[in-house]
Amino acid sequence: MGDNVLAMLNSDPMRLYRAKRDEAHRSVASKYTILGFISSGTYGRVYKAASRTGDDLNRLYAIKKFKPDKEGDVLTYTGISQSAIREIALNREILHVNVVALKEVILEDKSIYMVFEYAEHDFLQLIHHYSQTLRTSIPVGVLKSTTYQLLSGLLYLHASHILHRDLKPANILINSAGTVKIGDLGLARLARAPLAPLYAGDKVVVTIWYRAPELLLGARHYTRAVDCWAVGCVLAELAALRPIFKGEEARPDAAARKGAVPFQREQMLRVLEVLGNPREEEWPGLSQMPEYAALRRLESHQPALDSWCAQRGLAGSAALLLHGLFTWDPARRLDSRKALEHRWFTEEPKPQLSVFANVPASQLPPARRVSQEDAPGLVNPPMAPVPATQSTAGSAFGVLTGGHAVHSRKKARLN
């Protein structure tokens, strides 16, 4: 320990403690400039922000502010919802290049804020850019790189015994360097047992268009295979620029038993139209599924995935990969490791570290838009300007206000 530090401790032994305490109680507004509102969802709102201090001055972040569940989410004595606690606990234990990194957690006035690394794009924006602006299909190189990096992040999560349970284009991000980042672990769960009973007590998992058939048929025990089915849906959507299984979600009947989940007839029909009707010999145990009787009442369809792929330029090994991800039987479905080893990724063009590696500058998707309409009303004190290459939001405005802050620390768990 240096002489200056020893002298300081001798003259004021509480100085270091107070400095550490004060750092831990700094507000969101003192650490970040809120540049705009990005989006809102079931669990809260997301804002774009720039760091005001330290070595990462002006670096961009996404700040997720939680709100209590209006449907009765249990609050702890701190005012933090259980769903927020679960998401925080999972994010603090993971660290992978293809999963969005959590920087810190801040608690102010019984509101919780999660500060994540910022990503300029997401898969939904990418699909919209190619379908509406460029009006052309996504190049095979981009398709392959995005899918490979998505599977890499998913393999890490699965190796860490984490099921994401809500993979969809809006939750899969791309940063300015062209790196794919799996985001939003709000519905994720730990699942160490191969058939953990994850359904009981949970809200319906996986957005309807990306929901695996075992979930549509009422399975109460399910595995990592639900995420791999969702990857197949995302790959197909990137190729077609529209969802492959776009069904209408059936809402619960008011007269139905509380907690009962209706059979998703329209969604199941969309799957059957492409994959044909499943048979017991290719899916052992199918006849024991809770909604098997409802499945049998649906009209019969022949498999059409090969023709669907051919019409969208996914012939050969790309079509085989989709077949593997869309295998009816979850036990036989391609897992994330086997999907990564698929020969499609060994063929030219091979996956790149940047998904935009060979994309002309004129065809790059625009930066994510942010809005001032839903940003908080108080304005931050002046700060150093954010470089134009980092921010598209213009002048700084709005703050997330409150009182005390609690830092979190990331821990890497590499399996």
Protein backbone atom coordinates (compact mmCIF):
# COMPACT_ATOMS: atom_id res chain seq x y z
CA MET A 1 0.00 0.00 0.00
CA GLY A 2 1.44 3.41 -0.96
CA ASP A 3 2.54 6.06 1.55
CA ASN A 4 -0.19 8.47 0.37
CA VAL A 5 -2.93 5.90 0.96
CA LEU A 6 -1.52 5.03 4.41
CA ALA A 7 -1.37 8.70 5.33
CA MET A 8 -4.96 9.18 4.19
CA LEU A 9 -6.15 6.19 6.23
CA ASN A 10 -4.31 7.42 9.32
CA SER A 11 -5.83 10.89 9.04
CA ASP A 12 -9.33 9.75 8.04
CA PRO A 13 -9.84 5.96 8.30
CA MET A 14 -13.46 6.21 7.04
CA ARG A 15 -12.61 8.04 3.82
CA LEU A 16 -12.30 4.94 1.62
CA TYR A 17 -15.49 3.51 3.04
CA ARG A 18 -17.40 6.72 2.34
CA ALA A 19 -16.04 6.88 -1.21
CA LYS A 20 -17.17 3.31 -1.88
CA ARG A 21 -20.54 3.96 -0.26
CA ASP A 22 -21.10 7.13 -2.28
CA GLU A 23 -20.21 5.33 -5.52
CA ALA A 24 -22.74 2.60 -4.70
CA HIS A 25 -25.47 5.19 -4.11
CA ARG A 26 -25.09 7.21 -7.29
CA SER A 27 -28.29 7.63 -9.25
CA VAL A 28 -28.99 6.61 -12.83
CA ALA A 29 -29.09 10.29 -13.80
CA SER A 30 -25.62 10.91 -12.39
CA LYS A 31 -24.12 8.01 -14.34
CA TYR A 32 -26.03 8.04 -17.65
CA THR A 33 -27.56 10.51 -20.05
CA ILE A 34 -30.85 9.16 -21.39
CA LEU A 35 -30.85 9.65 -25.16
CA GLY A 36 -34.29 8.28 -25.92
CA PHE A 37 -36.98 5.65 -25.52
CA ILE A 38 -36.51 2.41 -27.45
CA SER A 39 -39.44 0.14 -26.61
CA SER A 40 -41.76 -1.19 -23.93
CA GLY A 41 -42.93 -4.67 -23.08
CA THR A 42 -44.65 -6.76 -20.46
CA TYR A 43 -41.94 -6.22 -17.89
CA GLY A 44 -40.98 -2.59 -18.44
CA ARG A 45 -39.39 0.00 -20.71
CA VAL A 46 -36.04 0.17 -22.46
CA TYR A 47 -34.06 3.38 -22.98
CA LYS A 48 -30.95 4.28 -24.93
CA ALA A 49 -28.31 5.93 -22.76
CA ALA A 50 -24.72 7.16 -22.81
CA SER A 51 -22.27 6.84 -19.94
CA ARG A 52 -21.38 10.12 -18.22
CA THR A 53 -18.36 8.93 -16.25
CA GLY A 54 -15.30 6.73 -16.08
CA ASP A 55 -13.31 4.97 -18.74
CA ASP A 56 -16.42 4.32 -20.84
CA LEU A 57 -17.44 7.98 -21.13
CA ASN A 58 -20.03 8.37 -23.93
CA ARG A 59 -20.29 4.61 -24.49
CA LEU A 60 -23.83 3.60 -25.37
CA TYR A 61 -25.99 1.36 -23.19
CA ALA A 62 -29.56 0.07 -23.07
CA ILE A 63 -31.28 0.61 -19.72
CA LYS A 64 -34.24 -1.61 -18.89
CA LYS A 65 -36.56 -0.19 -16.25
CA PHE A 66 -38.84 -2.77 -14.66
CA LYS A 67 -42.42 -2.18 -13.67
CA PRO A 68 -44.54 -4.33 -11.32
CA ASP A 69 -46.71 -6.90 -13.04
CA LYS A 70 -50.26 -5.56 -13.19
CA GLU A 71 -51.58 -9.12 -13.07
CA GLY A 72 -50.29 -9.61 -9.56
CA ASP A 73 -46.58 -10.32 -9.77
CA VAL A 74 -45.36 -10.81 -6.21
CA LEU A 75 -43.17 -7.98 -4.92
CA THR A 76 -40.35 -8.46 -2.45
CA TYR A 77 -39.81 -6.08 0.43
CA THR A 78 -37.53 -4.05 -1.83
CA GLY A 79 -40.28 -3.61 -4.39
CA ILE A 80 -38.49 -5.75 -6.99
CA SER A 81 -40.68 -8.20 -8.88
CA GLN A 82 -39.80 -11.88 -8.92
CA SER A 83 -39.54 -11.79 -12.71
CA ALA A 84 -36.90 -9.06 -12.43
CA ILE A 85 -34.99 -11.03 -9.81
CA ARG A 86 -34.93 -14.11 -12.05
CA GLU A 87 -33.67 -12.12 -15.04
CA ILE A 88 -31.01 -10.39 -12.96
CA ALA A 89 -29.83 -13.65 -11.41
CA LEU A 90 -29.40 -15.31 -14.80
CA ASN A 91 -27.72 -12.33 -16.47
CA ARG A 92 -25.19 -11.97 -13.66
CA GLU A 93 -24.01 -15.55 -14.18
CA ILE A 94 -23.39 -15.48 -17.93
CA LEU A 95 -20.78 -13.98 -20.20
CA HIS A 96 -20.54 -14.82 -23.90
CA VAL A 97 -19.85 -12.81 -27.04
CA ASN A 98 -23.24 -13.78 -28.52
CA VAL A 99 -25.32 -12.97 -25.45
CA VAL A 100 -26.06 -9.38 -24.40
CA ALA A 101 -23.86 -8.47 -21.43
CA LEU A 102 -25.22 -6.95 -18.24
CA LYS A 103 -23.05 -4.09 -16.95
CA GLU A 104 -24.79 -3.31 -13.68
CA VAL A 105 -28.06 -3.22 -11.79
CA ILE A 106 -29.27 -0.01 -10.14
CA LEU A 107 -32.03 0.27 -7.54
CA GLU A 108 -33.73 3.64 -7.09
CA ASP A 109 -36.93 4.38 -5.19
CA LYS A 110 -37.96 0.72 -5.38
CA SER A 111 -37.48 0.71 -9.16
CA ILE A 112 -34.96 -1.62 -10.74
CA TYR A 113 -32.76 -0.72 -13.71
CA MET A 114 -30.64 -3.19 -15.66
CA VAL A 115 -27.85 -1.61 -17.72
CA PHE A 116 -26.90 -3.67 -20.80
CA GLU A 117 -24.42 -3.23 -23.60
CA TYR A 118 -26.09 -1.45 -26.50
CA ALA A 119 -26.94 -3.06 -29.84
CA GLU A 120 -27.80 -0.91 -32.84
CA HIS A 121 -29.99 -3.44 -34.67
CA ASP A 122 -32.16 -6.51 -34.19
CA PHE A 123 -33.31 -9.31 -36.50
CA LEU A 124 -36.78 -7.80 -36.85
CA GLN A 125 -35.27 -4.53 -38.07
CA LEU A 126 -33.00 -6.49 -40.43
CA ILE A 127 -35.99 -8.31 -41.91
CA HIS A 128 -37.90 -5.05 -42.34
CA HIS A 129 -34.89 -3.39 -43.99
CA TYR A 130 -34.57 -6.09 -46.63
CA SER A 131 -38.30 -6.57 -47.19
CA GLN A 132 -39.43 -2.93 -47.20
CA THR A 133 -36.39 -0.82 -48.10
CA LEU A 134 -34.14 -2.97 -50.28
CA ARG A 135 -36.98 -5.25 -51.45
CA THR A 136 -34.67 -8.19 -51.90
CA SER A 137 -33.81 -11.34 -50.00
CA ILE A 138 -31.14 -11.40 -47.31
CA PRO A 139 -27.82 -12.58 -48.85
CA VAL A 140 -26.84 -16.16 -48.02
CA GLY A 141 -23.66 -14.92 -46.31
CA VAL A 142 -25.65 -12.71 -43.94
CA LEU A 143 -28.20 -15.47 -43.39
CA LYS A 144 -25.49 -17.97 -42.54
CA SER A 145 -23.53 -15.63 -40.25
CA THR A 146 -26.59 -14.52 -38.28
CA THR A 147 -27.79 -18.10 -37.81
CA TYR A 148 -24.35 -19.40 -36.82
CA GLN A 149 -23.84 -16.70 -34.19
CA LEU A 150 -27.37 -17.19 -32.87
CA LEU A 151 -26.68 -20.91 -32.43
CA SER A 152 -23.33 -20.14 -30.77
CA GLY A 153 -25.04 -17.98 -28.16
CA LEU A 154 -27.77 -20.57 -27.69
CA LEU A 155 -25.24 -23.37 -27.22
CA TYR A 156 -23.64 -21.34 -24.43
CA LEU A 157 -26.99 -20.78 -22.72
CA HIS A 158 -27.93 -24.44 -23.00
CA ALA A 159 -24.51 -25.54 -21.72
CA SER A 160 -25.20 -23.25 -18.75
CA HIS A 161 -28.54 -25.06 -18.22
CA ILE A 162 -30.55 -22.02 -19.34
CA LEU A 163 -33.63 -22.24 -21.55
CA HIS A 164 -34.34 -18.91 -23.23
CA ARG A 165 -38.00 -19.72 -24.05
CA ASP A 166 -38.67 -16.57 -26.07
CA LEU A 167 -36.36 -16.57 -29.07
CA LYS A 168 -37.80 -14.38 -31.83
CA PRO A 169 -36.40 -11.73 -34.20
CA ALA A 170 -37.15 -8.83 -31.85
CA ASN A 171 -35.10 -10.45 -29.06
CA ILE A 172 -32.00 -11.18 -31.16
CA LEU A 173 -29.77 -8.14 -31.53
CA ILE A 174 -26.83 -7.10 -33.72
CA ASN A 175 -24.31 -4.53 -32.53
CA SER A 176 -22.48 -1.98 -34.68
CA ALA A 177 -19.61 -4.45 -35.20
CA GLY A 178 -22.00 -6.96 -36.77
CA THR A 179 -22.02 -9.34 -33.79
CA VAL A 180 -25.24 -11.17 -32.93
CA LYS A 181 -26.40 -10.87 -29.31
CA ILE A 182 -29.19 -12.91 -27.76
CA GLY A 183 -31.21 -10.59 -25.54
CA ASP A 184 -34.19 -10.51 -23.18
CA LEU A 185 -33.89 -13.35 -20.69
CA GLY A 186 -37.15 -12.27 -19.07
CA LEU A 187 -38.76 -15.68 -19.68
CA ALA A 188 -35.57 -17.72 -19.34
CA ARG A 189 -35.33 -20.48 -16.75
CA LEU A 190 -32.72 -22.82 -15.34
CA ALA A 191 -33.29 -26.43 -16.34
CA ARG A 192 -30.68 -28.91 -15.16
CA ALA A 193 -32.89 -31.99 -15.51
CA PRO A 194 -33.58 -33.17 -19.08
CA LEU A 195 -37.34 -33.11 -18.54
CA ALA A 196 -37.80 -30.45 -15.89
CA PRO A 197 -41.47 -29.59 -15.15
CA LEU A 198 -41.15 -25.99 -16.27
CA TYR A 199 -44.73 -25.27 -17.20
CA ALA A 200 -46.47 -25.40 -13.83
CA GLY A 201 -47.06 -21.93 -12.42
CA ASP A 202 -45.65 -20.22 -15.49
CA LYS A 203 -47.28 -17.94 -17.97
CA VAL A 204 -47.47 -19.34 -21.50
CA VAL A 205 -43.95 -19.39 -22.89
CA VAL A 206 -42.61 -18.63 -26.36
CA THR A 207 -44.36 -16.16 -28.66
CA ILE A 208 -47.02 -18.04 -30.64
CA TRP A 209 -45.34 -18.05 -34.10
CA TYR A 210 -42.16 -19.56 -32.64
CA ARG A 211 -43.80 -22.06 -30.29
CA ALA A 212 -42.70 -25.69 -30.64
CA PRO A 213 -45.34 -28.36 -31.38
CA GLU A 214 -44.92 -30.03 -27.98
CA LEU A 215 -46.01 -26.74 -26.40
CA LEU A 216 -48.92 -26.38 -28.81
CA LEU A 217 -50.01 -29.88 -27.84
CA GLY A 218 -50.00 -29.05 -24.14
CA ALA A 219 -46.72 -30.54 -22.91
CA ARG A 220 -46.05 -29.80 -19.24
CA HIS A 221 -42.48 -31.11 -19.44
CA TYR A 222 -40.19 -29.78 -22.12
CA THR A 223 -36.54 -29.36 -22.93
CA ARG A 224 -33.96 -27.18 -24.70
CA ALA A 225 -35.55 -28.43 -27.93
CA VAL A 226 -38.18 -25.66 -27.70
CA ASP A 227 -35.40 -23.11 -28.30
CA CYS A 228 -34.04 -25.07 -31.27
CA TRP A 229 -37.48 -25.10 -32.90
CA ALA A 230 -37.59 -21.32 -32.44
CA VAL A 231 -34.19 -21.01 -34.15
CA GLY A 232 -35.66 -22.88 -37.12
CA CYS A 233 -38.55 -20.41 -37.20
CA VAL A 234 -36.13 -17.46 -37.07
CA LEU A 235 -33.93 -18.89 -39.84
CA ALA A 236 -36.99 -19.48 -42.02
CA GLU A 237 -38.22 -15.93 -41.35
CA LEU A 238 -34.85 -14.45 -42.30
CA ALA A 239 -34.98 -16.41 -45.56
CA ALA A 240 -38.62 -15.64 -46.40
CA LEU A 241 -38.78 -12.16 -44.83
CA ARG A 242 -42.00 -13.20 -43.12
CA PRO A 243 -42.90 -15.72 -40.39
CA ILE A 244 -43.13 -19.29 -41.65
CA PHE A 245 -45.90 -20.26 -39.19
CA LYS A 246 -48.01 -17.12 -38.83
CA GLY A 247 -51.12 -18.18 -36.96
CA GLU A 248 -53.74 -16.31 -34.95
CA GLU A 249 -53.41 -16.80 -31.21
CA ALA A 250 -56.48 -18.19 -29.46
CA ARG A 251 -57.35 -16.26 -26.32
CA PRO A 252 -58.55 -18.00 -23.14
CA ASP A 253 -62.32 -18.37 -22.87
CA ALA A 254 -63.77 -16.32 -20.03
CA ALA A 255 -65.81 -19.35 -18.99
CA ALA A 256 -62.83 -21.71 -19.05
CA ARG A 257 -61.09 -23.02 -15.96
CA LYS A 258 -58.75 -20.44 -14.46
CA GLY A 259 -55.24 -20.94 -15.79
CA ALA A 260 -56.39 -23.15 -18.66
CA VAL A 261 -54.54 -22.61 -21.94
CA PRO A 262 -56.67 -23.00 -25.08
CA PHE A 263 -55.58 -25.27 -27.92
CA GLN A 264 -53.88 -23.10 -30.53
CA ARG A 265 -55.75 -24.51 -33.51
CA GLU A 266 -54.81 -21.85 -36.07
CA GLN A 267 -51.14 -21.96 -35.16
CA MET A 268 -51.08 -25.75 -35.34
CA LEU A 269 -52.70 -25.61 -38.78
CA ARG A 270 -49.98 -23.27 -40.06
CA VAL A 271 -47.38 -25.80 -38.93
CA LEU A 272 -49.23 -28.73 -40.52
CA GLU A 273 -49.52 -26.89 -43.84
CA VAL A 274 -45.73 -26.87 -44.14
CA LEU A 275 -44.63 -29.99 -42.26
CA GLY A 276 -47.62 -32.27 -42.78
CA ASN A 277 -49.33 -34.18 -39.98
CA PRO A 278 -47.11 -35.92 -37.41
CA ARG A 279 -47.31 -39.68 -36.94
CA GLU A 280 -46.75 -41.80 -33.85
CA GLU A 281 -43.86 -43.67 -35.48
CA GLU A 282 -41.91 -40.44 -35.99
CA TRP A 283 -42.91 -38.97 -32.63
CA PRO A 284 -43.22 -41.67 -29.96
CA GLY A 285 -45.67 -40.61 -27.27
CA LEU A 286 -47.58 -38.28 -29.59
CA SER A 287 -50.90 -39.97 -28.81
CA GLN A 288 -50.36 -39.27 -25.10
CA MET A 289 -50.10 -35.51 -25.55
CA PRO A 290 -52.89 -33.55 -23.80
CA GLU A 291 -54.14 -31.98 -27.04
CA TYR A 292 -53.77 -35.05 -29.25
CA ALA A 293 -57.55 -35.41 -29.68
CA ALA A 294 -57.75 -31.81 -30.90
CA LEU A 295 -54.86 -32.47 -33.31
CA ARG A 296 -56.67 -35.46 -34.82
CA ARG A 297 -59.69 -33.29 -35.61
CA LEU A 298 -57.60 -31.03 -37.87
CA GLU A 299 -57.52 -31.61 -41.62
CA SER A 300 -54.72 -33.71 -43.05
CA HIS A 301 -51.75 -32.17 -44.87
CA GLN A 302 -48.78 -33.61 -46.74
CA PRO A 303 -45.21 -32.47 -45.97
CA ALA A 304 -44.28 -29.39 -48.03
CA LEU A 305 -41.08 -28.12 -46.39
CA ASP A 306 -38.87 -29.07 -49.35
CA SER A 307 -40.96 -27.05 -51.79
CA TRP A 308 -41.21 -24.19 -49.29
CA CYS A 309 -37.39 -24.11 -49.05
CA ALA A 310 -36.86 -24.38 -52.81
CA GLN A 311 -39.11 -21.38 -53.45
CA ARG A 312 -37.01 -19.32 -51.05
CA GLY A 313 -33.53 -20.36 -52.11
CA LEU A 314 -32.90 -22.76 -49.23
CA ALA A 315 -32.19 -25.89 -51.22
CA GLY A 316 -29.58 -28.53 -50.35
CA SER A 317 -27.93 -28.46 -46.94
CA ALA A 318 -29.83 -25.35 -45.83
CA ALA A 319 -33.09 -27.24 -46.28
CA LEU A 320 -31.63 -30.21 -44.38
CA LEU A 321 -30.78 -27.93 -41.47
CA LEU A 322 -34.36 -26.69 -41.35
CA HIS A 323 -35.62 -30.27 -41.48
CA GLY A 324 -33.46 -31.04 -38.45
CA LEU A 325 -34.66 -28.03 -36.48
CA PHE A 326 -38.28 -28.78 -37.41
CA THR A 327 -38.18 -32.44 -36.35
CA TRP A 328 -41.46 -33.28 -34.63
CA ASP A 329 -39.99 -35.39 -31.84
CA PRO A 330 -38.12 -33.09 -29.40
CA ALA A 331 -35.78 -35.96 -28.49
CA ARG A 332 -34.67 -36.27 -32.13
CA ARG A 333 -34.65 -32.58 -32.99
CA LEU A 334 -31.25 -31.07 -33.80
CA ASP A 335 -29.75 -29.52 -30.69
CA SER A 336 -27.68 -26.34 -30.78
CA ARG A 337 -24.34 -28.17 -30.88
CA LYS A 338 -25.30 -30.46 -33.76
CA ALA A 339 -26.86 -27.55 -35.61
CA LEU A 340 -23.59 -25.61 -35.32
CA GLU A 341 -21.74 -28.60 -36.76
CA HIS A 342 -24.11 -28.83 -39.74
CA ARG A 343 -22.43 -28.95 -43.12
CA TRP A 344 -24.31 -25.86 -44.32
CA PHE A 345 -21.90 -23.78 -42.24
CA THR A 346 -18.85 -25.43 -43.86
CA GLU A 347 -19.95 -24.50 -47.38
CA GLU A 348 -19.20 -21.20 -49.10
CA PRO A 349 -19.91 -18.50 -48.19
CA LYS A 350 -18.79 -19.39 -44.68
CA PRO A 351 -19.99 -17.57 -41.55
CA GLN A 352 -18.14 -14.35 -40.72
CA LEU A 353 -17.35 -12.63 -37.42
CA SER A 354 -19.36 -9.65 -38.68
CA VAL A 355 -22.71 -10.49 -40.22
CA PHE A 356 -22.27 -7.39 -42.42
CA ALA A 357 -18.73 -8.34 -43.55
CA ASN A 358 -19.55 -8.41 -47.27
CA VAL A 359 -22.53 -6.06 -47.31
CA PRO A 360 -22.05 -2.78 -49.26
CA ALA A 361 -22.29 0.32 -47.08
CA SER A 362 -25.32 1.47 -49.08
CA GLN A 363 -27.22 -1.67 -48.05
CA LEU A 364 -26.49 -1.60 -44.31
CA PRO A 365 -29.58 -1.26 -42.12
CA PRO A 366 -30.08 2.15 -40.48
CA ALA A 367 -29.34 2.77 -36.82
CA ARG A 368 -32.07 1.99 -34.34
CA ARG A 369 -34.58 4.78 -33.94
CA VAL A 370 -35.29 6.24 -30.53
CA SER A 371 -38.25 8.34 -29.50
CA GLN A 372 -38.57 11.37 -27.24
CA GLU A 373 -42.29 10.89 -26.74
CA ASP A 374 -42.03 8.38 -23.90
CA ALA A 375 -38.77 9.58 -22.39
CA PRO A 376 -38.88 10.93 -18.83
CA GLY A 377 -39.41 14.67 -18.56
CA LEU A 378 -36.44 15.93 -16.53
CA VAL A 379 -33.33 16.95 -18.43
CA ASN A 380 -29.82 15.80 -17.54
CA PRO A 381 -27.12 18.31 -16.66
CA PRO A 382 -24.79 19.11 -19.60
CA MET A 383 -22.30 16.43 -20.55
CA ALA A 384 -19.58 15.87 -23.10
CA PRO A 385 -21.15 15.32 -26.55
CA VAL A 386 -21.57 11.78 -27.79
CA PRO A 387 -19.58 11.24 -31.00
CA ALA A 388 -21.75 11.22 -34.12
CA THR A 389 -20.60 7.70 -34.96
CA GLN A 390 -22.10 6.41 -31.72
CA SER A 391 -25.37 8.26 -31.34
CA THR A 392 -28.29 8.90 -33.65
CA ALA A 393 -30.47 10.53 -31.05
CA GLY A 394 -29.20 14.11 -31.32
CA SER A 395 -29.19 16.19 -28.14
CA ALA A 396 -29.49 14.54 -24.77
CA PHE A 397 -32.82 14.70 -22.99
CA GLY A 398 -34.72 13.06 -20.19
CA VAL A 399 -33.55 11.22 -17.09
CA LEU A 400 -34.61 8.24 -15.06
CA THR A 401 -34.98 9.75 -11.61
CA GLY A 402 -34.73 8.24 -8.16
CA GLY A 403 -32.66 7.87 -5.04
CA HIS A 404 -30.18 5.09 -4.32
CA ALA A 405 -28.26 2.69 -6.52
CA VAL A 406 -27.02 -0.84 -6.02
CA HIS A 407 -24.31 -2.20 -8.28
CA SER A 408 -24.21 -5.73 -9.62
CA ARG A 409 -21.20 -7.73 -10.70
CA LYS A 410 -21.08 -10.07 -13.68
CA LYS A 411 -19.71 -13.55 -13.12
CA ALA A 412 -18.67 -15.67 -16.04
CA ARG A 413 -19.63 -19.30 -16.01
CA LEU A 414 -18.10 -21.05 -18.97
CA ASN A 415 -19.07 -24.65 -19.57
